[in-house]
Protein backbone atom coordinates (compact mmCIF):
# COMPACT_ATOMS: atom_id res chain seq x y z
CA MET A 1 0.00 0.00 0.00
CA ALA A 2 1.23 3.50 -0.80
CA ILE A 3 1.64 5.79 2.18
CA GLN A 4 -0.99 8.52 2.12
CA LEU A 5 -2.18 11.14 4.56
CA ASN A 6 -5.59 10.03 5.84
CA HIS A 7 -6.56 12.75 8.34
CA THR A 8 -5.17 15.40 10.61
CA ILE A 9 -6.58 16.77 13.84
CA VAL A 10 -7.28 20.50 14.03
CA PRO A 11 -7.72 22.07 17.46
CA ALA A 12 -10.56 24.57 17.73
CA ARG A 13 -12.52 26.45 20.37
CA ASP A 14 -15.79 25.43 18.68
CA PRO A 15 -15.03 22.45 16.41
CA LYS A 16 -18.50 22.29 14.86
CA ALA A 17 -18.45 25.98 13.88
CA SER A 18 -14.85 25.82 12.68
CA ALA A 19 -15.47 22.74 10.54
CA LEU A 20 -18.60 24.34 9.08
CA PHE A 21 -16.64 27.55 8.35
CA LEU A 22 -14.07 25.61 6.31
CA ALA A 23 -16.64 23.41 4.57
CA GLU A 24 -18.73 26.41 3.52
CA LEU A 25 -15.75 28.40 2.22
CA LEU A 26 -14.39 25.46 0.24
CA GLY A 27 -17.83 24.51 -1.06
CA ARG A 28 -17.71 21.09 0.62
CA GLU A 29 -20.56 19.05 2.07
CA ALA A 30 -21.47 19.69 5.68
CA PRO A 31 -19.00 18.19 8.15
CA THR A 32 -19.69 14.73 9.52
CA THR A 33 -19.09 13.65 13.10
CA PHE A 34 -16.95 10.80 14.35
CA GLY A 35 -16.74 10.59 18.12
CA PRO A 36 -15.65 14.04 19.34
CA PHE A 37 -14.53 15.13 15.86
CA HIS A 38 -16.24 17.29 13.23
CA CYS A 39 -14.73 16.13 9.94
CA VAL A 40 -14.35 18.00 6.66
CA GLN A 41 -13.87 15.56 3.77
CA LEU A 42 -11.56 16.54 0.90
CA ASP A 43 -11.59 14.99 -2.57
CA ASN A 44 -8.37 13.02 -2.08
CA GLY A 45 -9.76 11.04 0.86
CA VAL A 46 -8.13 13.20 3.55
CA THR A 47 -10.22 14.65 6.35
CA LEU A 48 -9.56 17.58 8.64
CA ASP A 49 -10.91 16.44 11.98
CA TYR A 50 -11.74 19.37 14.25
CA ILE A 51 -11.69 18.74 18.00
CA ARG A 52 -12.45 21.00 20.93
CA SER A 53 -9.47 22.49 22.70
CA ASP A 54 -9.52 24.75 25.72
CA GLU A 55 -5.72 24.95 25.68
CA ARG A 56 -3.68 27.64 23.96
CA ILE A 57 -4.12 26.78 20.28
CA PRO A 58 -0.92 26.74 18.23
CA ILE A 59 -1.38 28.38 14.85
CA GLU A 60 -1.33 25.79 12.07
CA HIS A 61 -1.26 26.21 8.30
CA TYR A 62 -3.49 24.24 5.93
CA ALA A 63 -3.06 24.59 2.15
CA PHE A 64 -5.60 23.30 -0.35
CA LEU A 65 -4.86 22.65 -4.02
CA VAL A 66 -7.90 23.73 -6.05
CA SER A 67 -8.63 24.06 -9.76
CA GLU A 68 -8.72 27.43 -11.50
CA ALA A 69 -12.51 27.03 -11.75
CA GLU A 70 -12.82 26.35 -7.99
CA PHE A 71 -10.57 29.26 -6.99
CA ASP A 72 -13.02 32.01 -7.99
CA PRO A 73 -16.07 30.85 -6.01
CA ILE A 74 -13.93 30.13 -2.93
CA PHE A 75 -12.26 33.53 -3.18
CA ASP A 76 -15.68 35.16 -3.69
CA ARG A 77 -16.91 33.53 -0.44
CA ILE A 78 -13.83 34.78 1.43
CA ARG A 79 -14.48 38.34 0.26
CA ALA A 80 -18.25 38.10 0.82
CA ARG A 81 -17.59 37.31 4.48
CA GLY A 82 -15.29 40.32 4.75
CA LEU A 83 -12.35 38.14 5.79
CA PRO A 84 -8.86 39.59 5.62
CA TYR A 85 -6.63 37.90 3.04
CA TRP A 86 -3.06 38.11 1.86
CA ALA A 87 -0.88 37.08 -1.07
CA ASP A 88 1.80 35.77 1.30
CA PRO A 89 2.04 33.68 4.47
CA HIS A 90 3.76 36.50 6.38
CA GLN A 91 0.71 38.71 5.79
CA HIS A 92 2.78 41.54 4.27
CA GLN A 93 0.60 41.82 1.13
CA PRO A 94 -2.96 42.42 2.35
CA GLY A 95 -5.89 42.43 -0.05
CA ARG A 96 -3.91 40.69 -2.80
CA ILE A 97 -3.51 37.23 -4.29
CA ASN A 98 -0.27 35.71 -5.58
CA HIS A 99 0.56 34.23 -8.97
CA ASN A 100 3.26 31.81 -7.87
CA ASP A 101 4.21 29.09 -10.37
CA GLY A 102 1.83 30.62 -12.92
CA GLY A 103 -1.23 29.95 -10.77
CA ARG A 104 -3.14 31.84 -8.12
CA GLY A 105 -3.03 31.65 -4.34
CA VAL A 106 -4.42 33.42 -1.30
CA TYR A 107 -4.16 33.10 2.50
CA TRP A 108 -6.83 33.88 5.10
CA PRO A 109 -7.40 33.14 8.80
CA ASP A 110 -9.95 30.75 10.22
CA ARG A 111 -11.95 31.30 13.42
CA ASP A 112 -9.06 30.14 15.64
CA GLY A 113 -6.25 31.93 13.82
CA HIS A 114 -5.09 28.98 11.70
CA LEU A 115 -3.81 30.23 8.36
CA LEU A 116 -5.68 28.69 5.44
CA GLU A 117 -4.51 28.83 1.84
CA ILE A 118 -5.83 27.91 -1.58
CA ILE A 119 -3.47 27.49 -4.54
CA THR A 120 -4.12 26.49 -8.12
CA ARG A 121 -0.59 25.20 -8.77
CA PRO A 122 1.65 23.26 -6.37
CA TYR A 123 4.69 25.27 -5.33
CA GLY A 124 7.69 24.55 -7.52
CA SER A 125 5.53 23.23 -10.37
CA GLY A 126 5.87 25.95 -12.98
CA ALA A 127 6.80 29.39 -14.22
């Protein structure tokens, strides 16, 4: 069997709301539950499993590879919610997207401060 990422656990103050936030922005189906987890299913079989945490939450980064056609509606939902966004992970280029590797990319925060990203080309893949 090939080694593949199956799931990762994402700490959140309100896991149901955080999972729903991501699912809505990415245009995914509503999160499912599995024990204490609220799970967002991605197309490659990986799930992000949100769990409640009352501890200090370390800021994580989650990047999603999307098609050019998927980028626009996701980006529209980010802007419609009035979320801040940046072209870079250091948040030095507010209100902009990047065109790395000939594609498009953008970063925005989730409800717990995790930095989310959509890209249309994997880094290092092109121009």
